[in-house]
Amino acid sequence: MLYALCSLLFALCFLPYLSIMNIQPYDTLTEAITALRQQGYTEDFNLQPNCIDCRDAALRLHPHEFEIDKVFRFFGPSDVDDESILYAISSEKYNLKGILVNGYGVSSDPLTQEMVVKLAWGIEP
């Protein structure tokens, strides 16, 4: 039931904004990460309830301080728990680029409304 609700929310929230979603040219998450690293996305971001952080939490970026450049969604072959989303993120303020990998649906992390909007739309609330 919860998975069905998450899928419905995805359809209602994300489908109108698929312009930032890339047609997935990669077969695996590892392949996509490798390609993004070659494009300069070198930081590893960690998702926090109200921001993303990197450099062992020494640097915190709030939703107005970063942009989502690309989004890739990966599906597990037979298990919905294997689903994930890869974000390519940049920040002009801090002059850096990096990636964020998050679970999708039931396995996603709890977030503030501002972070949900930022990750869902790729724009500031």
N, C-alpha and C. Protein backbone atom coordinates (compact mmCIF):
# COMPACT_ATOMS: atom_id res chain seq x y z
N MET A 1 0.82 -1.19 0.00
CA MET A 1 0.00 0.00 0.00
C MET A 1 0.87 1.27 0.00
N LEU A 2 1.90 1.28 0.87
CA LEU A 2 2.77 2.44 0.94
C LEU A 2 3.52 2.64 -0.37
N TYR A 3 3.95 1.53 -0.98
CA TYR A 3 4.65 1.63 -2.27
C TYR A 3 3.73 2.22 -3.33
N ALA A 4 2.47 1.80 -3.34
CA ALA A 4 1.51 2.33 -4.31
C ALA A 4 1.30 3.81 -4.10
N LEU A 5 1.24 4.24 -2.83
CA LEU A 5 1.08 5.66 -2.53
C LEU A 5 2.29 6.46 -3.00
N CYS A 6 3.49 5.92 -2.76
CA CYS A 6 4.71 6.60 -3.21
C CYS A 6 4.76 6.71 -4.73
N SER A 7 4.34 5.64 -5.41
CA SER A 7 4.31 5.67 -6.87
C SER A 7 3.33 6.71 -7.39
N LEU A 8 2.18 6.82 -6.74
CA LEU A 8 1.19 7.81 -7.13
C LEU A 8 1.72 9.22 -6.90
N LEU A 9 2.36 9.44 -5.76
CA LEU A 9 2.95 10.76 -5.49
C LEU A 9 4.01 11.11 -6.52
N PHE A 10 4.81 10.11 -6.90
CA PHE A 10 5.82 10.34 -7.93
C PHE A 10 5.15 10.78 -9.23
N ALA A 11 4.13 10.08 -9.63
CA ALA A 11 3.45 10.40 -10.89
C ALA A 11 2.87 11.81 -10.84
N LEU A 12 2.26 12.17 -9.73
CA LEU A 12 1.64 13.49 -9.63
C LEU A 12 2.66 14.61 -9.54
N CYS A 13 3.75 14.36 -8.84
CA CYS A 13 4.73 15.42 -8.60
C CYS A 13 5.81 15.52 -9.66
N PHE A 14 6.31 14.39 -10.13
CA PHE A 14 7.48 14.41 -11.00
C PHE A 14 7.17 14.47 -12.49
N LEU A 15 6.13 13.82 -12.92
CA LEU A 15 5.91 13.70 -14.35
C LEU A 15 5.85 15.04 -15.09
N PRO A 16 5.23 16.08 -14.51
CA PRO A 16 5.24 17.36 -15.24
C PRO A 16 6.62 17.99 -15.36
N TYR A 17 7.60 17.50 -14.61
CA TYR A 17 8.91 18.13 -14.57
C TYR A 17 10.02 17.19 -15.01
N LEU A 18 9.72 16.32 -15.93
CA LEU A 18 10.72 15.35 -16.36
C LEU A 18 11.81 15.96 -17.23
N SER A 19 11.78 17.27 -17.45
CA SER A 19 12.81 17.89 -18.26
C SER A 19 14.19 17.77 -17.63
N ILE A 20 14.27 17.67 -16.30
CA ILE A 20 15.58 17.48 -15.69
C ILE A 20 15.97 16.02 -15.63
N MET A 21 15.01 15.13 -15.85
CA MET A 21 15.32 13.71 -15.85
C MET A 21 16.00 13.38 -17.17
N ASN A 22 17.11 12.71 -17.11
CA ASN A 22 17.84 12.35 -18.31
C ASN A 22 17.39 10.98 -18.80
N ILE A 23 17.33 10.84 -20.11
CA ILE A 23 17.12 9.50 -20.64
C ILE A 23 18.36 8.73 -20.25
N GLN A 24 18.17 7.67 -19.56
CA GLN A 24 19.26 6.97 -18.91
C GLN A 24 20.17 6.27 -19.92
N PRO A 25 21.35 6.83 -20.19
CA PRO A 25 22.27 6.19 -21.12
C PRO A 25 23.15 5.16 -20.43
N TYR A 26 22.93 4.93 -19.14
CA TYR A 26 23.78 4.01 -18.38
C TYR A 26 22.98 2.80 -17.92
N ASP A 27 23.61 1.65 -17.95
CA ASP A 27 22.95 0.42 -17.53
C ASP A 27 22.98 0.23 -16.02
N THR A 28 24.02 0.77 -15.38
CA THR A 28 24.16 0.59 -13.94
C THR A 28 24.45 1.91 -13.25
N LEU A 29 24.19 1.92 -11.96
CA LEU A 29 24.50 3.08 -11.13
C LEU A 29 26.00 3.35 -11.14
N THR A 30 26.80 2.31 -11.06
CA THR A 30 28.26 2.46 -11.07
C THR A 30 28.75 3.11 -12.35
N GLU A 31 28.18 2.70 -13.46
CA GLU A 31 28.54 3.28 -14.77
C GLU A 31 28.22 4.77 -14.80
N ALA A 32 27.07 5.15 -14.29
CA ALA A 32 26.66 6.56 -14.27
C ALA A 32 27.57 7.38 -13.36
N ILE A 33 27.90 6.84 -12.19
CA ILE A 33 28.78 7.55 -11.27
C ILE A 33 30.15 7.77 -11.90
N THR A 34 30.67 6.75 -12.55
CA THR A 34 31.97 6.87 -13.22
C THR A 34 31.93 7.97 -14.27
N ALA A 35 30.88 8.00 -15.08
CA ALA A 35 30.76 9.03 -16.12
C ALA A 35 30.64 10.43 -15.51
N LEU A 36 29.87 10.57 -14.45
CA LEU A 36 29.73 11.88 -13.81
C LEU A 36 31.06 12.34 -13.19
N ARG A 37 31.80 11.41 -12.62
CA ARG A 37 33.12 11.76 -12.07
C ARG A 37 34.01 12.34 -13.18
N GLN A 38 33.95 11.73 -14.37
CA GLN A 38 34.74 12.21 -15.50
C GLN A 38 34.27 13.59 -15.97
N GLN A 39 33.04 13.94 -15.66
CA GLN A 39 32.50 15.26 -16.01
C GLN A 39 32.73 16.29 -14.91
N GLY A 40 33.47 15.93 -13.87
CA GLY A 40 33.82 16.88 -12.82
C GLY A 40 32.97 16.82 -11.57
N TYR A 41 32.05 15.88 -11.47
CA TYR A 41 31.21 15.74 -10.27
C TYR A 41 31.97 14.89 -9.25
N THR A 42 32.87 15.54 -8.52
CA THR A 42 33.82 14.82 -7.68
C THR A 42 33.43 14.73 -6.21
N GLU A 43 32.57 15.60 -5.74
CA GLU A 43 32.15 15.56 -4.33
C GLU A 43 31.13 14.44 -4.12
N ASP A 44 31.13 13.89 -2.91
CA ASP A 44 30.12 12.92 -2.51
C ASP A 44 29.21 13.59 -1.49
N PHE A 45 27.97 13.86 -1.88
CA PHE A 45 27.03 14.51 -0.98
C PHE A 45 26.26 13.48 -0.17
N ASN A 46 25.93 13.87 1.04
CA ASN A 46 25.10 13.06 1.93
C ASN A 46 23.82 13.84 2.20
N LEU A 47 22.72 13.14 2.18
CA LEU A 47 21.42 13.77 2.37
C LEU A 47 21.11 13.91 3.86
N GLN A 48 20.79 15.11 4.26
CA GLN A 48 20.35 15.42 5.62
C GLN A 48 18.90 15.90 5.52
N PRO A 49 18.16 15.94 6.63
CA PRO A 49 16.75 16.35 6.55
C PRO A 49 16.53 17.73 5.93
N ASN A 50 17.46 18.69 6.15
CA ASN A 50 17.23 20.05 5.65
C ASN A 50 18.35 20.57 4.75
N CYS A 51 19.30 19.70 4.35
CA CYS A 51 20.41 20.15 3.51
C CYS A 51 21.12 18.92 2.95
N ILE A 52 22.18 19.18 2.17
CA ILE A 52 23.11 18.12 1.79
C ILE A 52 24.46 18.53 2.35
N ASP A 53 25.28 17.55 2.69
CA ASP A 53 26.61 17.90 3.19
C ASP A 53 27.66 17.08 2.46
N CYS A 54 28.91 17.54 2.59
CA CYS A 54 30.04 16.82 2.01
C CYS A 54 31.28 17.15 2.84
N ARG A 55 32.37 16.54 2.48
CA ARG A 55 33.64 16.76 3.18
C ARG A 55 33.49 16.46 4.67
N ASP A 56 32.98 15.26 4.95
CA ASP A 56 32.78 14.80 6.34
C ASP A 56 31.92 15.78 7.14
N ALA A 57 30.87 16.28 6.51
CA ALA A 57 29.90 17.19 7.11
C ALA A 57 30.48 18.57 7.43
N ALA A 58 31.69 18.86 6.93
CA ALA A 58 32.28 20.17 7.17
C ALA A 58 31.61 21.26 6.34
N LEU A 59 30.99 20.87 5.23
CA LEU A 59 30.32 21.82 4.35
C LEU A 59 28.88 21.40 4.16
N ARG A 60 27.96 22.29 4.49
CA ARG A 60 26.53 22.03 4.35
C ARG A 60 25.95 22.98 3.31
N LEU A 61 25.19 22.41 2.37
CA LEU A 61 24.54 23.21 1.34
C LEU A 61 23.04 23.11 1.54
N HIS A 62 22.40 24.26 1.70
CA HIS A 62 20.95 24.32 1.84
C HIS A 62 20.32 24.46 0.45
N PRO A 63 19.04 24.18 0.33
CA PRO A 63 18.41 24.14 -1.00
C PRO A 63 18.67 25.34 -1.91
N HIS A 64 18.80 26.52 -1.34
CA HIS A 64 19.04 27.71 -2.19
C HIS A 64 20.51 27.83 -2.61
N GLU A 65 21.38 26.94 -2.13
CA GLU A 65 22.80 27.03 -2.43
C GLU A 65 23.28 26.01 -3.45
N PHE A 66 22.38 25.21 -4.01
CA PHE A 66 22.80 24.23 -5.02
C PHE A 66 21.73 24.05 -6.08
N GLU A 67 22.16 23.51 -7.21
CA GLU A 67 21.27 23.21 -8.34
C GLU A 67 21.38 21.73 -8.68
N ILE A 68 20.29 21.18 -9.13
CA ILE A 68 20.29 19.81 -9.62
C ILE A 68 20.46 19.87 -11.13
N ASP A 69 21.59 19.37 -11.62
CA ASP A 69 21.91 19.44 -13.04
C ASP A 69 21.34 18.26 -13.82
N LYS A 70 21.40 17.08 -13.23
CA LYS A 70 20.94 15.87 -13.91
C LYS A 70 20.37 14.92 -12.87
N VAL A 71 19.44 14.11 -13.30
CA VAL A 71 18.85 13.08 -12.43
C VAL A 71 18.75 11.78 -13.21
N PHE A 72 19.18 10.69 -12.59
CA PHE A 72 19.09 9.37 -13.20
C PHE A 72 18.38 8.45 -12.21
N ARG A 73 17.43 7.71 -12.69
CA ARG A 73 16.71 6.77 -11.84
C ARG A 73 17.05 5.35 -12.28
N PHE A 74 17.34 4.51 -11.29
CA PHE A 74 17.71 3.12 -11.56
C PHE A 74 16.72 2.20 -10.87
N PHE A 75 16.35 1.14 -11.57
CA PHE A 75 15.40 0.17 -11.06
C PHE A 75 16.11 -1.15 -10.81
N GLY A 76 15.79 -1.79 -9.70
CA GLY A 76 16.33 -3.11 -9.42
C GLY A 76 15.69 -4.13 -10.34
N PRO A 77 16.41 -5.18 -10.69
CA PRO A 77 15.88 -6.16 -11.63
C PRO A 77 14.63 -6.87 -11.14
N SER A 78 14.54 -7.11 -9.83
CA SER A 78 13.36 -7.83 -9.34
C SER A 78 12.90 -7.35 -7.98
N ASP A 79 13.61 -6.43 -7.37
CA ASP A 79 13.31 -6.02 -6.01
C ASP A 79 13.17 -4.51 -5.95
N VAL A 80 12.02 -4.02 -5.49
CA VAL A 80 11.81 -2.57 -5.43
C VAL A 80 12.77 -1.91 -4.44
N ASP A 81 13.35 -2.67 -3.52
CA ASP A 81 14.32 -2.11 -2.59
C ASP A 81 15.63 -1.74 -3.28
N ASP A 82 15.83 -2.20 -4.52
CA ASP A 82 17.04 -1.89 -5.27
C ASP A 82 16.91 -0.59 -6.07
N GLU A 83 15.80 0.11 -5.98
CA GLU A 83 15.61 1.33 -6.74
C GLU A 83 16.39 2.47 -6.11
N SER A 84 16.99 3.31 -6.97
CA SER A 84 17.74 4.45 -6.47
C SER A 84 17.69 5.60 -7.47
N ILE A 85 18.01 6.78 -6.95
CA ILE A 85 18.07 7.98 -7.78
C ILE A 85 19.46 8.58 -7.61
N LEU A 86 20.08 8.94 -8.71
CA LEU A 86 21.39 9.57 -8.71
C LEU A 86 21.21 11.02 -9.16
N TYR A 87 21.65 11.95 -8.33
CA TYR A 87 21.58 13.38 -8.65
C TYR A 87 22.98 13.90 -8.95
N ALA A 88 23.13 14.66 -10.03
CA ALA A 88 24.34 15.42 -10.31
C ALA A 88 24.05 16.83 -9.83
N ILE A 89 24.82 17.32 -8.89
CA ILE A 89 24.54 18.58 -8.20
C ILE A 89 25.71 19.53 -8.33
N SER A 90 25.41 20.81 -8.50
CA SER A 90 26.46 21.82 -8.54
C SER A 90 26.09 22.99 -7.65
N SER A 91 27.12 23.72 -7.22
CA SER A 91 26.92 24.91 -6.41
C SER A 91 27.85 26.00 -6.90
N GLU A 92 27.28 27.07 -7.43
CA GLU A 92 28.10 28.21 -7.84
C GLU A 92 28.71 28.88 -6.62
N LYS A 93 27.95 28.97 -5.55
CA LYS A 93 28.42 29.63 -4.32
C LYS A 93 29.72 29.01 -3.81
N TYR A 94 29.79 27.68 -3.81
CA TYR A 94 30.96 26.99 -3.29
C TYR A 94 31.88 26.45 -4.39
N ASN A 95 31.53 26.72 -5.65
CA ASN A 95 32.33 26.30 -6.79
C ASN A 95 32.68 24.81 -6.73
N LEU A 96 31.64 23.99 -6.63
CA LEU A 96 31.86 22.55 -6.59
C LEU A 96 30.74 21.81 -7.28
N LYS A 97 31.06 20.57 -7.65
CA LYS A 97 30.09 19.67 -8.29
C LYS A 97 30.25 18.30 -7.65
N GLY A 98 29.13 17.61 -7.50
CA GLY A 98 29.21 16.29 -6.90
C GLY A 98 27.95 15.48 -7.16
N ILE A 99 27.88 14.33 -6.52
CA ILE A 99 26.75 13.44 -6.71
C ILE A 99 26.08 13.12 -5.37
N LEU A 100 24.82 12.78 -5.47
CA LEU A 100 24.04 12.31 -4.34
C LEU A 100 23.26 11.09 -4.80
N VAL A 101 23.37 10.00 -4.08
CA VAL A 101 22.61 8.79 -4.38
C VAL A 101 21.62 8.59 -3.24
N ASN A 102 20.37 8.39 -3.59
CA ASN A 102 19.34 8.19 -2.59
C ASN A 102 18.44 7.04 -3.01
N GLY A 103 17.88 6.37 -2.01
CA GLY A 103 16.90 5.34 -2.29
C GLY A 103 15.63 5.98 -2.81
N TYR A 104 14.78 5.19 -3.40
CA TYR A 104 13.54 5.71 -3.95
C TYR A 104 12.37 5.02 -3.27
N GLY A 105 11.30 5.76 -3.07
CA GLY A 105 10.09 5.16 -2.51
C GLY A 105 10.24 4.88 -1.03
N VAL A 106 9.95 3.65 -0.63
CA VAL A 106 9.96 3.27 0.77
C VAL A 106 11.34 3.45 1.41
N SER A 107 12.40 3.27 0.63
CA SER A 107 13.75 3.36 1.19
C SER A 107 14.32 4.77 1.19
N SER A 108 13.55 5.76 0.79
CA SER A 108 14.06 7.12 0.77
C SER A 108 14.16 7.68 2.19
N ASP A 109 14.99 8.70 2.36
CA ASP A 109 15.24 9.30 3.66
C ASP A 109 14.19 10.35 4.01
N PRO A 110 13.93 10.56 5.32
CA PRO A 110 12.99 11.62 5.73
C PRO A 110 13.62 12.99 5.47
N LEU A 111 12.81 13.92 4.95
CA LEU A 111 13.32 15.23 4.57
C LEU A 111 12.35 16.33 4.99
N THR A 112 12.88 17.55 5.08
CA THR A 112 12.01 18.70 5.29
C THR A 112 11.27 18.99 3.99
N GLN A 113 10.20 19.75 4.08
CA GLN A 113 9.42 20.09 2.90
C GLN A 113 10.27 20.83 1.87
N GLU A 114 11.15 21.72 2.33
CA GLU A 114 12.00 22.48 1.42
C GLU A 114 12.93 21.56 0.62
N MET A 115 13.48 20.55 1.28
CA MET A 115 14.35 19.60 0.58
C MET A 115 13.55 18.71 -0.37
N VAL A 116 12.35 18.31 0.03
CA VAL A 116 11.50 17.50 -0.86
C VAL A 116 11.22 18.27 -2.14
N VAL A 117 10.87 19.53 -2.00
CA VAL A 117 10.57 20.36 -3.17
C VAL A 117 11.81 20.52 -4.04
N LYS A 118 12.96 20.78 -3.43
CA LYS A 118 14.19 20.97 -4.21
C LYS A 118 14.54 19.71 -4.99
N LEU A 119 14.50 18.56 -4.34
CA LEU A 119 14.86 17.32 -5.01
C LEU A 119 13.81 16.87 -6.01
N ALA A 120 12.55 17.23 -5.76
CA ALA A 120 11.48 16.83 -6.66
C ALA A 120 11.44 17.69 -7.92
N TRP A 121 11.59 18.95 -7.76
CA TRP A 121 11.41 19.87 -8.88
C TRP A 121 12.71 20.34 -9.49
N GLY A 122 13.79 20.32 -8.71
CA GLY A 122 15.04 20.87 -9.22
C GLY A 122 15.06 22.38 -9.20
N ILE A 123 14.10 22.96 -8.47
CA ILE A 123 14.04 24.42 -8.33
C ILE A 123 13.81 24.77 -6.88
N GLU A 124 14.05 25.99 -6.51
CA GLU A 124 13.81 26.41 -5.13
C GLU A 124 12.32 26.56 -4.88
N PRO A 125 11.89 26.31 -3.63
CA PRO A 125 10.47 26.45 -3.30
C PRO A 125 10.03 27.90 -3.32
